[in-house]
Amino acid sequence: MRKVILTAAVAAAALALIPLNASAGVGGPAFYVDGVLYRTVATPTDLSRTGAPDHSFDTIYEFSGDQPYNVATAGPGDRGYNGGRWRVEVVDYAVDYGSALAGFDANGSRDFDSSAEVESAIEAGAINTSDGPSFVCPVIPLPR
């Protein structure tokens, strides 16, 4: 029963990352990379059980419902960027979202908007994460 519940939770996490209008092509804002919002296109990929090494993925921290956008560790132009191969870390809190944000929103943006902020909160024990799915989706700059 636990395995069924965990599988359903992972599937729900993967779906949460896909913008609702993805079937129409490029979606709206989806996640931050170093304070900059990017959009994406949903792709029907699941790399969760491929055995690919961890270093071949970048991380997306999934904030299911707590804030409007997720946070990614890398994007185009960043050293080591893996071209849109993602491993999801689902965010949970040891404290409430507001307290975590108040303690680690380094730039006052009112969102976690960089991996540095998220990782600082993890190191301090304000945020916990659990493994989610792995997949491929492109990182597309928002039009100016």
C-alpha atoms as a PDB file:
ATOM      1  CA  MET A   1       0.000   0.000   0.000  1.00  0.00           C
ATOM      2  CA  ARG A   2       2.856   2.407   0.824  1.00  0.00           C
ATOM      3  CA  LYS A   3       4.375   1.761  -2.606  1.00  0.00           C
ATOM      4  CA  VAL A   4       1.067   2.585  -4.334  1.00  0.00           C
ATOM      5  CA  ILE A   5       0.728   5.815  -2.343  1.00  0.00           C
ATOM      6  CA  LEU A   6       4.355   6.789  -3.031  1.00  0.00           C
ATOM      7  CA  THR A   7       3.957   6.059  -6.761  1.00  0.00           C
ATOM      8  CA  ALA A   8       0.796   8.177  -6.872  1.00  0.00           C
ATOM      9  CA  ALA A   9       2.562  11.009  -5.033  1.00  0.00           C
ATOM     10  CA  VAL A  10       5.510  10.938  -7.452  1.00  0.00           C
ATOM     11  CA  ALA A  11       3.151  10.969 -10.433  1.00  0.00           C
ATOM     12  CA  ALA A  12       1.269  13.923  -8.943  1.00  0.00           C
ATOM     13  CA  ALA A  13       4.563  15.758  -8.388  1.00  0.00           C
ATOM     14  CA  ALA A  14       5.544  15.239 -12.023  1.00  0.00           C
ATOM     15  CA  LEU A  15       2.180  16.534 -13.189  1.00  0.00           C
ATOM     16  CA  ALA A  16       2.469  19.581 -10.927  1.00  0.00           C
ATOM     17  CA  LEU A  17       5.577  20.633 -12.816  1.00  0.00           C
ATOM     18  CA  ILE A  18       3.739  20.678 -16.140  1.00  0.00           C
ATOM     19  CA  PRO A  19       1.946  23.926 -16.899  1.00  0.00           C
ATOM     20  CA  LEU A  20      -1.785  23.468 -17.487  1.00  0.00           C
ATOM     21  CA  ASN A  21      -1.562  24.929 -20.970  1.00  0.00           C
ATOM     22  CA  ALA A  22       1.373  22.731 -21.991  1.00  0.00           C
ATOM     23  CA  SER A  23      -0.672  20.968 -24.634  1.00  0.00           C
ATOM     24  CA  ALA A  24      -0.865  24.324 -26.405  1.00  0.00           C
ATOM     25  CA  GLY A  25       2.940  24.548 -26.624  1.00  0.00           C
ATOM     26  CA  VAL A  26       5.199  26.751 -24.573  1.00  0.00           C
ATOM     27  CA  GLY A  27       3.764  27.462 -21.137  1.00  0.00           C
ATOM     28  CA  GLY A  28       3.970  30.528 -18.945  1.00  0.00           C
ATOM     29  CA  PRO A  29       6.421  31.096 -16.104  1.00  0.00           C
ATOM     30  CA  ALA A  30       7.356  27.783 -14.476  1.00  0.00           C
ATOM     31  CA  PHE A  31      10.494  28.113 -12.339  1.00  0.00           C
ATOM     32  CA  TYR A  32      13.247  30.390 -11.132  1.00  0.00           C
ATOM     33  CA  VAL A  33      16.947  30.041 -11.869  1.00  0.00           C
ATOM     34  CA  ASP A  34      19.004  32.512  -9.812  1.00  0.00           C
ATOM     35  CA  GLY A  35      16.088  34.919  -9.441  1.00  0.00           C
ATOM     36  CA  VAL A  36      15.087  34.845 -13.116  1.00  0.00           C
ATOM     37  CA  LEU A  37      11.795  33.258 -14.208  1.00  0.00           C
ATOM     38  CA  TYR A  38      11.830  30.777 -17.073  1.00  0.00           C
ATOM     39  CA  ARG A  39       9.122  28.893 -18.909  1.00  0.00           C
ATOM     40  CA  THR A  40       9.153  25.417 -20.395  1.00  0.00           C
ATOM     41  CA  VAL A  41       7.411  22.900 -22.624  1.00  0.00           C
ATOM     42  CA  ALA A  42       6.079  19.728 -21.053  1.00  0.00           C
ATOM     43  CA  THR A  43       7.543  16.563 -22.547  1.00  0.00           C
ATOM     44  CA  PRO A  44       6.313  13.007 -22.003  1.00  0.00           C
ATOM     45  CA  THR A  45       9.540  11.733 -20.494  1.00  0.00           C
ATOM     46  CA  ASP A  46      10.262   9.700 -17.392  1.00  0.00           C
ATOM     47  CA  LEU A  47      13.920   9.142 -16.583  1.00  0.00           C
ATOM     48  CA  SER A  48      13.245   8.031 -13.011  1.00  0.00           C
ATOM     49  CA  ARG A  49      14.388   4.433 -13.400  1.00  0.00           C
ATOM     50  CA  THR A  50      17.006   4.719 -16.113  1.00  0.00           C
ATOM     51  CA  GLY A  51      20.003   4.375 -13.813  1.00  0.00           C
ATOM     52  CA  ALA A  52      21.494   7.601 -15.197  1.00  0.00           C
ATOM     53  CA  PRO A  53      24.133   9.051 -12.853  1.00  0.00           C
ATOM     54  CA  ASP A  54      23.098  11.880 -10.526  1.00  0.00           C
ATOM     55  CA  HIS A  55      25.570  14.297 -12.126  1.00  0.00           C
ATOM     56  CA  SER A  56      23.673  14.061 -15.432  1.00  0.00           C
ATOM     57  CA  PHE A  57      20.697  15.895 -13.881  1.00  0.00           C
ATOM     58  CA  ASP A  58      20.100  19.332 -12.421  1.00  0.00           C
ATOM     59  CA  THR A  59      17.639  19.716  -9.550  1.00  0.00           C
ATOM     60  CA  ILE A  60      14.230  21.355  -9.463  1.00  0.00           C
ATOM     61  CA  TYR A  61      12.877  22.061  -6.005  1.00  0.00           C
ATOM     62  CA  GLU A  62       9.104  21.602  -6.149  1.00  0.00           C
ATOM     63  CA  PHE A  63       7.073  23.956  -3.929  1.00  0.00           C
ATOM     64  CA  SER A  64       3.653  22.333  -4.396  1.00  0.00           C
ATOM     65  CA  GLY A  65       1.248  25.175  -3.682  1.00  0.00           C
ATOM     66  CA  ASP A  66       3.360  27.220  -1.283  1.00  0.00           C
ATOM     67  CA  GLN A  67       4.598  29.623  -3.890  1.00  0.00           C
ATOM     68  CA  PRO A  68       3.715  30.045  -7.570  1.00  0.00           C
ATOM     69  CA  TYR A  69       7.000  28.826  -9.077  1.00  0.00           C
ATOM     70  CA  ASN A  70       9.542  26.108  -8.433  1.00  0.00           C
ATOM     71  CA  VAL A  71      13.312  26.699  -8.197  1.00  0.00           C
ATOM     72  CA  ALA A  72      15.960  25.106 -10.425  1.00  0.00           C
ATOM     73  CA  THR A  73      19.663  24.815  -9.713  1.00  0.00           C
ATOM     74  CA  ALA A  74      20.876  25.682 -13.221  1.00  0.00           C
ATOM     75  CA  GLY A  75      19.855  27.106 -16.560  1.00  0.00           C
ATOM     76  CA  PRO A  76      21.255  27.874 -19.997  1.00  0.00           C
ATOM     77  CA  GLY A  77      24.712  29.423 -19.788  1.00  0.00           C
ATOM     78  CA  ASP A  78      25.462  28.014 -16.336  1.00  0.00           C
ATOM     79  CA  ARG A  79      28.559  25.872 -15.988  1.00  0.00           C
ATOM     80  CA  GLY A  80      27.526  22.218 -15.729  1.00  0.00           C
ATOM     81  CA  TYR A  81      23.951  22.799 -16.979  1.00  0.00           C
ATOM     82  CA  ASN A  82      22.585  19.450 -18.169  1.00  0.00           C
ATOM     83  CA  GLY A  83      20.369  20.713 -20.988  1.00  0.00           C
ATOM     84  CA  GLY A  84      17.015  20.314 -19.268  1.00  0.00           C
ATOM     85  CA  ARG A  85      17.471  16.934 -17.560  1.00  0.00           C
ATOM     86  CA  TRP A  86      15.859  17.300 -14.144  1.00  0.00           C
ATOM     87  CA  ARG A  87      15.642  15.423 -10.885  1.00  0.00           C
ATOM     88  CA  VAL A  88      12.853  16.714  -8.653  1.00  0.00           C
ATOM     89  CA  GLU A  89      13.261  17.289  -4.930  1.00  0.00           C
ATOM     90  CA  VAL A  90       9.848  17.767  -3.331  1.00  0.00           C
ATOM     91  CA  VAL A  91       9.955  20.465  -0.635  1.00  0.00           C
ATOM     92  CA  ASP A  92       8.446  19.992   2.811  1.00  0.00           C
ATOM     93  CA  TYR A  93       8.970  22.185   5.854  1.00  0.00           C
ATOM     94  CA  ALA A  94      10.301  21.604   9.329  1.00  0.00           C
ATOM     95  CA  VAL A  95       8.757  25.037  10.040  1.00  0.00           C
ATOM     96  CA  ASP A  96       5.906  26.699   8.142  1.00  0.00           C
ATOM     97  CA  TYR A  97       6.517  28.211   4.691  1.00  0.00           C
ATOM     98  CA  GLY A  98       6.305  31.807   5.944  1.00  0.00           C
ATOM     99  CA  SER A  99       8.908  31.214   8.634  1.00  0.00           C
ATOM    100  CA  ALA A 100      11.241  29.442   6.221  1.00  0.00           C
ATOM    101  CA  LEU A 101      10.845  32.241   3.690  1.00  0.00           C
ATOM    102  CA  ALA A 102      11.383  34.957   6.317  1.00  0.00           C
ATOM    103  CA  GLY A 103      14.635  33.322   7.376  1.00  0.00           C
ATOM    104  CA  PHE A 104      16.101  32.576   3.951  1.00  0.00           C
ATOM    105  CA  ASP A 105      14.702  35.015   1.343  1.00  0.00           C
ATOM    106  CA  ALA A 106      18.096  36.681   0.931  1.00  0.00           C
ATOM    107  CA  ASN A 107      16.991  39.223  -1.687  1.00  0.00           C
ATOM    108  CA  GLY A 108      13.574  40.128  -0.233  1.00  0.00           C
ATOM    109  CA  SER A 109      11.691  38.856  -3.303  1.00  0.00           C
ATOM    110  CA  ARG A 110       8.923  37.251  -1.193  1.00  0.00           C
ATOM    111  CA  ASP A 111       9.622  33.892  -2.888  1.00  0.00           C
ATOM    112  CA  PHE A 112      12.384  31.354  -2.766  1.00  0.00           C
ATOM    113  CA  ASP A 113      13.879  32.255  -6.129  1.00  0.00           C
ATOM    114  CA  SER A 114      17.357  30.769  -6.123  1.00  0.00           C
ATOM    115  CA  SER A 115      18.902  27.451  -5.286  1.00  0.00           C
ATOM    116  CA  ALA A 116      21.195  29.280  -2.838  1.00  0.00           C
ATOM    117  CA  GLU A 117      18.178  30.358  -0.771  1.00  0.00           C
ATOM    118  CA  VAL A 118      16.627  26.886  -0.866  1.00  0.00           C
ATOM    119  CA  GLU A 119      19.891  25.122  -0.049  1.00  0.00           C
ATOM    120  CA  SER A 120      20.542  27.497   2.875  1.00  0.00           C
ATOM    121  CA  ALA A 121      17.103  26.638   4.276  1.00  0.00           C
ATOM    122  CA  ILE A 122      17.828  22.913   3.799  1.00  0.00           C
ATOM    123  CA  GLU A 123      21.205  23.182   5.555  1.00  0.00           C
ATOM    124  CA  ALA A 124      19.592  25.031   8.472  1.00  0.00           C
ATOM    125  CA  GLY A 125      16.878  22.390   8.785  1.00  0.00           C
ATOM    126  CA  ALA A 126      13.954  24.693   7.875  1.00  0.00           C
ATOM    127  CA  ILE A 127      13.270  22.745   4.674  1.00  0.00           C
ATOM    128  CA  ASN A 128      13.305  19.011   4.067  1.00  0.00           C
ATOM    129  CA  THR A 129      13.142  17.373   0.654  1.00  0.00           C
ATOM    130  CA  SER A 130      12.196  13.993  -0.726  1.00  0.00           C
ATOM    131  CA  ASP A 131      12.935  12.404  -4.076  1.00  0.00           C
ATOM    132  CA  GLY A 132      10.533  13.045  -6.927  1.00  0.00           C
ATOM    133  CA  PRO A 133      10.593  12.026 -10.596  1.00  0.00           C
ATOM    134  CA  SER A 134      13.304  12.649 -13.176  1.00  0.00           C
ATOM    135  CA  PHE A 135      12.438  13.958 -16.630  1.00  0.00           C
ATOM    136  CA  VAL A 136      13.451  16.231 -19.523  1.00  0.00           C
ATOM    137  CA  CYS A 137      12.015  19.665 -20.283  1.00  0.00           C
ATOM    138  CA  PRO A 138      13.660  22.689 -21.898  1.00  0.00           C
ATOM    139  CA  VAL A 139      14.406  25.964 -20.145  1.00  0.00           C
ATOM    140  CA  ILE A 140      13.049  28.855 -22.211  1.00  0.00           C
ATOM    141  CA  PRO A 141      13.593  32.533 -21.357  1.00  0.00           C
ATOM    142  CA  LEU A 142      10.409  34.568 -20.986  1.00  0.00           C
ATOM    143  CA  PRO A 143       9.880  37.113 -23.757  1.00  0.00           C
ATOM    144  CA  ARG A 144      10.789  40.661 -22.800  1.00  0.00           C
END
